[in-house]
């Protein structure tokens, strides 16, 4: 009952949350709608829906999906579309993007997409923003219809300011966009009681280097770092975020989360089999051969060369995997080393059952509630 009351109280704060069970910080989920060999995109997206419902039932705080393009093994190319579907199949869990790649889109489009999401799921939408393309250069050029990709990344602060003004409907008089309104949005006024008819999603900045860490700190925004693929930069980026943080109307002190690859199984060997699938998928992606996530059998039978073996070992060194107790020990150590306020767990393995079971086991390891019901 106390955990449920804490959860209702947390819904009043779009950023901070109290940890549930014995978890030292709130636990959340980052999902890529992984498409495995022999699995259809429709099946992968159904698994994402199942996982969101599981996360809500077990007391995970947020469920985020990431924008990636031209990757056969990832079905989350359209976060806003997926989040709208998840909003219809959940009731309480916060939903968000981890993230939307701002240079790929016009700020007005994002403001209207996430204003629509806020109307579907009032008070529980997060807009996580990144500046990378989420794909290779050629695909980024197709998305942005320009070859000047660097220009988009360099303009990120200006794009962010524009997006924020569209969300707040706050362009000053005389600005060329002053008479343009993101709809749904504040222009639609208030309802009886003085409540804005459409709320505003919570903005986060995402990053894998120091750029977004510094910007998030200067703007007083929450920050989420991609530890799961840039572990060497985690502590420096978090330190930079905290050092540059300035209190804002959003936060009076820093709030940082990290994305963490973690996978639990009843047996340590089985957990290793499952995480090998993600490592092999990453090798193929980084060598220009993106494809579906391989099966555990395919990953085990893969004949890697010395360079690939070194990559696999390096990759798995930053994945917390094993039995539930081993995963908890690894996550607890990471939380202590980084001082983060929240972790977002991602499990990019092949199979539906194994992925769902992993999150259940991690929830059990932290004594998260077995059900979430309204009192």
Protein backbone atom coordinates (compact mmCIF):
# COMPACT_ATOMS: atom_id res chain seq x y z
CA UNK A 1 0.00 0.00 0.00
CA UNK A 2 2.86 2.40 0.81
CA UNK A 3 4.50 1.68 -2.54
CA UNK A 4 1.23 2.42 -4.33
CA UNK A 5 0.78 5.70 -2.44
CA UNK A 6 4.36 6.66 -3.30
CA UNK A 7 3.60 5.92 -6.94
CA UNK A 8 0.53 8.15 -6.96
CA UNK A 9 2.49 10.92 -5.26
CA UNK A 10 5.27 10.61 -7.85
CA UNK A 11 2.81 11.22 -10.67
CA UNK A 12 2.60 14.84 -9.51
CA UNK A 13 6.31 15.28 -10.31
CA UNK A 14 7.17 14.71 -13.99
CA UNK A 15 10.83 14.03 -13.26
CA UNK A 16 11.67 12.81 -9.77
CA UNK A 17 10.34 9.59 -8.33
CA UNK A 18 10.77 7.53 -5.20
CA UNK A 19 12.36 4.11 -5.61
CA UNK A 20 10.08 1.16 -4.97
CA UNK A 21 10.86 -2.07 -3.16
CA UNK A 22 14.52 -2.30 -2.19
CA UNK A 23 15.83 -0.51 -5.28
CA UNK A 24 18.25 2.32 -4.40
CA UNK A 25 16.88 4.49 -7.25
CA UNK A 26 13.80 4.33 -9.50
CA UNK A 27 14.06 1.67 -12.20
CA UNK A 28 12.81 2.33 -15.72
CA UNK A 29 12.86 0.62 -19.12
CA UNK A 30 14.41 1.63 -22.45
CA UNK A 31 13.13 -0.46 -25.36
CA UNK A 32 14.09 -0.66 -29.04
CA UNK A 33 11.32 -3.01 -30.22
CA UNK A 34 14.02 -5.55 -31.05
CA UNK A 35 13.32 -7.69 -34.13
CA UNK A 36 14.99 -11.09 -33.90
CA UNK A 37 15.71 -13.62 -36.61
CA UNK A 38 12.48 -15.44 -37.45
CA UNK A 39 10.37 -12.70 -35.85
CA UNK A 40 8.18 -10.18 -37.65
CA UNK A 41 8.07 -6.46 -36.90
CA UNK A 42 4.44 -6.90 -35.83
CA UNK A 43 5.48 -9.53 -33.29
CA UNK A 44 8.32 -7.31 -32.04
CA UNK A 45 5.95 -4.40 -31.50
CA UNK A 46 3.48 -6.65 -29.68
CA UNK A 47 6.33 -7.66 -27.39
CA UNK A 48 7.05 -3.98 -26.73
CA UNK A 49 3.41 -3.54 -25.73
CA UNK A 50 3.59 -6.58 -23.44
CA UNK A 51 6.78 -5.25 -21.92
CA UNK A 52 5.22 -1.83 -21.25
CA UNK A 53 2.31 -3.48 -19.46
CA UNK A 54 4.70 -5.68 -17.48
CA UNK A 55 6.78 -2.63 -16.54
CA UNK A 56 3.68 -0.81 -15.32
CA UNK A 57 2.48 -3.82 -13.35
CA UNK A 58 5.86 -4.30 -11.67
CA UNK A 59 6.43 -0.68 -10.69
CA UNK A 60 9.03 0.47 -13.20
CA UNK A 61 8.79 4.26 -13.34
CA UNK A 62 9.14 5.04 -17.07
CA UNK A 63 8.97 3.22 -20.37
CA UNK A 64 10.96 4.87 -23.16
CA UNK A 65 11.45 3.91 -26.80
CA UNK A 66 14.35 5.02 -29.00
CA UNK A 67 14.44 6.43 -32.53
CA UNK A 68 16.60 4.44 -34.95
CA UNK A 69 16.41 4.21 -38.73
CA UNK A 70 17.34 1.74 -41.47
CA UNK A 71 18.16 -0.98 -38.92
CA UNK A 72 16.35 -4.27 -39.62
CA UNK A 73 16.78 -5.41 -36.02
CA UNK A 74 15.07 -2.34 -34.54
CA UNK A 75 11.39 -1.51 -35.10
CA UNK A 76 11.30 1.72 -33.11
CA UNK A 77 11.80 4.13 -36.00
CA UNK A 78 8.71 6.16 -35.03
CA UNK A 79 8.64 6.78 -31.27
CA UNK A 80 5.54 9.01 -31.32
CA UNK A 81 3.51 6.33 -33.12
CA UNK A 82 4.62 3.60 -30.71
CA UNK A 83 3.99 5.81 -27.68
CA UNK A 84 0.45 6.57 -28.83
CA UNK A 85 -0.22 2.84 -29.00
CA UNK A 86 1.34 2.28 -25.57
CA UNK A 87 -0.73 5.10 -24.10
CA UNK A 88 -3.85 3.16 -25.09
CA UNK A 89 -2.57 0.00 -23.38
CA UNK A 90 -1.26 1.46 -20.11
CA UNK A 91 -2.71 3.65 -17.39
CA UNK A 92 -0.04 4.99 -15.04
CA UNK A 93 3.52 4.43 -16.20
CA UNK A 94 5.34 7.42 -17.70
CA UNK A 95 5.93 7.05 -21.44
CA UNK A 96 8.65 8.76 -23.39
CA UNK A 97 11.27 8.93 -26.10
CA UNK A 98 14.81 7.86 -25.43
CA UNK A 99 14.95 9.68 -27.64
CA UNK A 100 13.61 11.66 -30.54
CA UNK A 101 16.52 12.90 -32.65
CA UNK A 102 15.70 16.60 -32.91
CA UNK A 103 17.80 17.41 -36.03
CA UNK A 104 15.77 14.83 -37.97
CA UNK A 105 12.50 16.71 -37.48
CA UNK A 106 10.99 20.18 -37.61
CA UNK A 107 10.46 21.42 -34.03
CA UNK A 108 6.81 22.26 -34.77
CA UNK A 109 6.17 18.66 -35.85
CA UNK A 110 7.63 17.30 -32.61
CA UNK A 111 5.65 19.82 -30.54
CA UNK A 112 2.41 18.73 -32.18
CA UNK A 113 3.20 15.01 -31.98
CA UNK A 114 4.01 15.18 -28.28
CA UNK A 115 1.16 17.57 -27.58
CA UNK A 116 -1.08 14.90 -29.06
CA UNK A 117 0.53 12.27 -26.84
CA UNK A 118 0.02 14.50 -23.81
CA UNK A 119 -3.66 14.74 -24.70
CA UNK A 120 -3.85 10.93 -24.93
CA UNK A 121 -1.93 10.36 -21.67
CA UNK A 122 -2.16 13.53 -19.57
CA UNK A 123 0.67 14.09 -17.14
CA UNK A 124 2.79 11.10 -18.07
CA UNK A 125 4.69 11.96 -21.27
CA UNK A 126 8.46 12.53 -21.44
CA UNK A 127 10.13 14.09 -24.49
CA UNK A 128 13.73 12.90 -24.49
CA UNK A 129 15.77 14.65 -27.18
CA UNK A 130 19.05 13.74 -28.84
CA UNK A 131 21.23 15.43 -31.44
CA UNK A 132 22.67 12.35 -33.21
CA UNK A 133 20.90 11.04 -36.33
CA UNK A 134 20.13 7.60 -34.91
CA UNK A 135 21.44 6.05 -38.10
CA UNK A 136 24.20 6.26 -40.74
CA UNK A 137 25.04 9.37 -42.73
CA UNK A 138 23.23 8.39 -45.92
CA UNK A 139 20.00 7.64 -44.06
CA UNK A 140 20.33 10.85 -42.08
CA UNK A 141 20.63 12.76 -45.36
CA UNK A 142 17.44 11.09 -46.60
CA UNK A 143 15.64 12.00 -43.36
CA UNK A 144 16.77 15.60 -43.36
CA UNK A 145 16.81 16.09 -47.14
CA UNK A 146 20.23 17.73 -46.91
CA UNK A 147 23.85 16.65 -47.05
CA UNK A 148 24.86 19.28 -44.48
CA UNK A 149 24.41 16.99 -41.50
CA UNK A 150 26.83 18.77 -39.22
CA UNK A 151 24.77 21.92 -39.50
CA UNK A 152 21.80 20.21 -37.90
CA UNK A 153 23.82 19.00 -34.92
CA UNK A 154 25.45 22.41 -34.43
CA UNK A 155 22.04 24.09 -34.46
CA UNK A 156 20.73 21.83 -31.71
CA UNK A 157 20.52 24.56 -29.00
CA UNK A 158 18.57 26.81 -31.36
CA UNK A 159 16.28 23.96 -32.41
CA UNK A 160 15.68 23.12 -28.74
CA UNK A 161 14.79 26.73 -27.94
CA UNK A 162 12.36 26.80 -30.85
CA UNK A 163 10.75 23.53 -29.81
CA UNK A 164 10.37 24.75 -26.23
CA UNK A 165 8.64 27.93 -27.40
CA UNK A 166 6.23 25.92 -29.55
CA UNK A 167 5.42 23.68 -26.57
CA UNK A 168 4.88 26.70 -24.31
CA UNK A 169 3.27 28.86 -27.02
CA UNK A 170 5.71 31.58 -25.98
CA UNK A 171 7.18 33.21 -29.07
CA UNK A 172 7.41 36.96 -28.43
CA UNK A 173 5.42 39.51 -30.41
CA UNK A 174 7.16 40.28 -33.67
CA UNK A 175 8.79 36.86 -34.00
CA UNK A 176 8.11 35.22 -37.36
CA UNK A 177 6.47 32.29 -35.55
CA UNK A 178 4.49 34.35 -33.03
CA UNK A 179 1.18 33.61 -34.79
CA UNK A 180 1.89 29.89 -35.23
CA UNK A 181 0.59 27.52 -32.55
CA UNK A 182 1.38 23.88 -31.86
CA UNK A 183 -1.93 22.05 -31.62
CA UNK A 184 -2.82 20.36 -29.33
CA UNK A 185 -1.23 22.93 -27.04
CA UNK A 186 -1.61 25.93 -24.75
CA UNK A 187 -3.45 28.01 -27.38
CA UNK A 188 -6.50 25.87 -26.66
CA UNK A 189 -6.82 27.46 -23.24
CA UNK A 190 -7.93 26.10 -19.90
CA UNK A 191 -10.82 24.08 -18.54
CA UNK A 192 -12.93 24.86 -15.44
CA UNK A 193 -10.64 25.12 -12.44
CA UNK A 194 -7.90 26.92 -14.35
CA UNK A 195 -6.17 23.76 -15.59
CA UNK A 196 -4.56 23.94 -19.01
CA UNK A 197 -6.62 21.87 -21.41
CA UNK A 198 -3.49 20.20 -22.82
CA UNK A 199 -0.42 19.83 -20.65
CA UNK A 200 3.24 19.91 -21.59
CA UNK A 201 5.55 16.92 -21.89
CA UNK A 202 8.63 16.86 -19.69
CA UNK A 203 11.76 17.68 -21.71
CA UNK A 204 14.95 15.65 -21.17
CA UNK A 205 18.26 15.91 -22.96
CA UNK A 206 20.03 12.72 -24.00
CA UNK A 207 23.65 12.21 -24.87
CA UNK A 208 26.69 9.98 -25.20
CA UNK A 209 29.28 12.74 -24.83
CA UNK A 210 29.75 16.04 -23.05
CA UNK A 211 27.80 18.33 -25.40
CA UNK A 212 24.28 17.51 -24.22
CA UNK A 213 25.50 17.06 -20.64
CA UNK A 214 26.75 20.65 -20.56
CA UNK A 215 23.65 22.00 -22.31
CA UNK A 216 21.29 20.14 -19.97
CA UNK A 217 23.19 21.51 -16.99
CA UNK A 218 23.13 25.09 -18.24
CA UNK A 219 19.39 24.89 -18.97
CA UNK A 220 18.52 23.12 -15.71
CA UNK A 221 16.98 20.12 -17.48
CA UNK A 222 17.10 16.43 -16.56
CA UNK A 223 19.81 14.49 -18.39
CA UNK A 224 20.01 10.86 -19.50
CA UNK A 225 23.33 9.35 -20.59
CA UNK A 226 23.78 6.38 -22.94
CA UNK A 227 25.99 4.26 -20.69
CA UNK A 228 24.91 1.14 -22.59
CA UNK A 229 27.00 2.10 -25.62
CA UNK A 230 29.36 4.80 -24.33
CA UNK A 231 30.41 3.55 -20.91
CA UNK A 232 33.86 5.17 -20.96
CA UNK A 233 32.24 8.61 -21.09
CA UNK A 234 29.61 8.07 -18.41
CA UNK A 235 31.31 9.51 -15.33
CA UNK A 236 32.94 12.47 -17.15
CA UNK A 237 29.60 13.41 -18.74
CA UNK A 238 27.72 13.15 -15.45
CA UNK A 239 30.39 15.21 -13.68
CA UNK A 240 30.13 17.87 -16.40
CA UNK A 241 26.33 17.93 -16.09
CA UNK A 242 26.49 18.44 -12.34
CA UNK A 243 29.26 21.03 -12.54
CA UNK A 244 27.42 23.17 -15.08
CA UNK A 245 23.93 22.75 -13.60
CA UNK A 246 21.94 25.91 -13.01
CA UNK A 247 18.61 25.76 -11.14
CA UNK A 248 15.60 26.36 -13.35
CA UNK A 249 11.83 26.38 -13.22
CA UNK A 250 12.06 22.66 -14.02
CA UNK A 251 14.68 21.52 -11.49
CA UNK A 252 16.30 23.03 -8.42
CA UNK A 253 19.07 20.44 -8.48
CA UNK A 254 20.50 18.00 -11.05
CA UNK A 255 18.62 14.86 -12.00
CA UNK A 256 20.56 12.31 -14.05
CA UNK A 257 19.72 8.87 -15.37
CA UNK A 258 21.70 6.38 -17.42
CA UNK A 259 20.71 3.70 -19.90
CA UNK A 260 22.12 0.32 -18.85
CA UNK A 261 22.22 -2.99 -20.69
CA UNK A 262 21.14 -5.68 -18.24
CA UNK A 263 19.85 -9.21 -18.64
CA UNK A 264 18.83 -11.74 -16.01
CA UNK A 265 18.09 -15.46 -16.29
CA UNK A 266 17.78 -18.23 -13.74
CA UNK A 267 21.09 -19.60 -14.99
CA UNK A 268 24.25 -17.55 -15.60
CA UNK A 269 25.12 -19.55 -18.70
CA UNK A 270 21.72 -18.87 -20.23
CA UNK A 271 22.08 -15.16 -19.54
CA UNK A 272 25.42 -15.22 -21.35
CA UNK A 273 23.84 -16.98 -24.36
CA UNK A 274 21.19 -14.28 -24.55
CA UNK A 275 23.50 -11.26 -24.33
CA UNK A 276 25.77 -12.73 -27.01
CA UNK A 277 22.96 -12.11 -29.48
CA UNK A 278 23.11 -8.38 -28.85
CA UNK A 279 26.90 -8.34 -29.09
CA UNK A 280 26.84 -10.08 -32.48
CA UNK A 281 24.12 -7.74 -33.72
CA UNK A 282 26.30 -4.79 -32.72
CA UNK A 283 29.35 -6.22 -34.53
CA UNK A 284 27.30 -6.50 -37.71
CA UNK A 285 25.93 -3.00 -37.31
CA UNK A 286 29.34 -1.43 -36.79
CA UNK A 287 30.83 -3.24 -39.75
CA UNK A 288 28.11 -2.08 -42.12
CA UNK A 289 26.08 -5.30 -42.03
CA UNK A 290 23.00 -4.46 -39.97
CA UNK A 291 20.44 -7.22 -39.74
CA UNK A 292 17.95 -8.99 -37.51
CA UNK A 293 19.10 -9.90 -34.01
CA UNK A 294 20.51 -13.43 -34.24
CA UNK A 295 19.26 -16.36 -32.19
CA UNK A 296 21.34 -17.58 -29.23
CA UNK A 297 22.25 -20.65 -31.25
CA UNK A 298 23.48 -18.53 -34.14
CA UNK A 299 25.48 -16.28 -31.80
CA UNK A 300 27.10 -19.26 -30.07
CA UNK A 301 28.04 -20.84 -33.38
CA UNK A 302 29.46 -17.66 -34.90
CA UNK A 303 33.17 -18.00 -35.76
CA UNK A 304 34.60 -14.65 -34.72
CA UNK A 305 38.06 -13.40 -35.53
CA UNK A 306 40.42 -11.91 -32.97
CA UNK A 307 39.24 -8.35 -33.46
CA UNK A 308 35.62 -9.41 -33.13
CA UNK A 309 36.35 -11.42 -29.99
CA UNK A 310 37.99 -8.37 -28.43
CA UNK A 311 34.92 -6.32 -29.33
CA UNK A 312 32.56 -8.92 -27.83
CA UNK A 313 34.53 -9.03 -24.59
CA UNK A 314 34.64 -5.23 -24.42
CA UNK A 315 30.92 -4.96 -25.15
CA UNK A 316 29.90 -7.56 -22.57
CA UNK A 317 32.10 -5.91 -19.93
CA UNK A 318 29.52 -3.11 -19.85
CA UNK A 319 26.47 -5.38 -19.73
CA UNK A 320 25.15 -6.46 -16.34
CA UNK A 321 24.08 -10.05 -16.88
CA UNK A 322 23.75 -13.32 -14.99
CA UNK A 323 21.42 -14.54 -12.28
CA UNK A 324 19.04 -11.99 -10.72
CA UNK A 325 21.36 -11.58 -7.72
CA UNK A 326 24.35 -11.03 -10.01
CA UNK A 327 22.48 -8.44 -12.04
CA UNK A 328 21.36 -6.63 -8.91
CA UNK A 329 24.91 -6.60 -7.57
CA UNK A 330 26.18 -5.17 -10.85
CA UNK A 331 23.46 -2.51 -11.05
CA UNK A 332 23.93 -1.52 -7.41
CA UNK A 333 27.65 -1.07 -8.01
CA UNK A 334 27.04 1.03 -11.10
CA UNK A 335 24.54 3.23 -9.26
CA UNK A 336 27.04 3.76 -6.46
CA UNK A 337 29.93 4.57 -8.85
CA UNK A 338 27.94 7.05 -10.91
CA UNK A 339 25.63 8.54 -8.29
CA UNK A 340 22.74 8.53 -10.75
CA UNK A 341 19.18 9.30 -9.71
CA UNK A 342 17.55 6.68 -11.96
CA UNK A 343 18.50 3.85 -14.31
CA UNK A 344 16.81 2.80 -17.53
CA UNK A 345 17.32 -0.88 -18.25
CA UNK A 346 17.55 -2.12 -21.82
CA UNK A 347 17.65 -5.79 -22.79
CA UNK A 348 18.36 -6.13 -26.50
CA UNK A 349 18.30 -9.90 -26.83
CA UNK A 350 16.57 -12.11 -29.36
CA UNK A 351 13.56 -13.79 -27.82
CA UNK A 352 10.27 -12.47 -26.47
CA UNK A 353 10.01 -14.89 -23.56
CA UNK A 354 13.59 -14.39 -22.44
CA UNK A 355 13.32 -10.59 -22.53
CA UNK A 356 10.06 -10.47 -20.61
CA UNK A 357 11.39 -12.96 -18.08
CA UNK A 358 14.55 -10.90 -17.58
CA UNK A 359 12.57 -7.84 -16.49
CA UNK A 360 10.43 -9.98 -14.17
CA UNK A 361 13.54 -11.41 -12.55
CA UNK A 362 15.13 -8.00 -12.09
CA UNK A 363 11.89 -6.71 -10.57
CA UNK A 364 11.89 -9.70 -8.21
CA UNK A 365 15.52 -9.08 -7.25
CA UNK A 366 14.54 -5.58 -6.10
CA UNK A 367 11.29 -6.64 -4.44
CA UNK A 368 9.23 -4.48 -6.75
CA UNK A 369 5.48 -4.87 -6.32
CA UNK A 370 3.98 -7.87 -8.06
CA UNK A 371 0.92 -5.86 -9.13
CA UNK A 372 -0.09 -2.23 -9.42
CA UNK A 373 -3.72 -1.52 -8.61
CA UNK A 374 -5.59 1.67 -7.88
CA UNK A 375 -6.59 2.04 -4.23
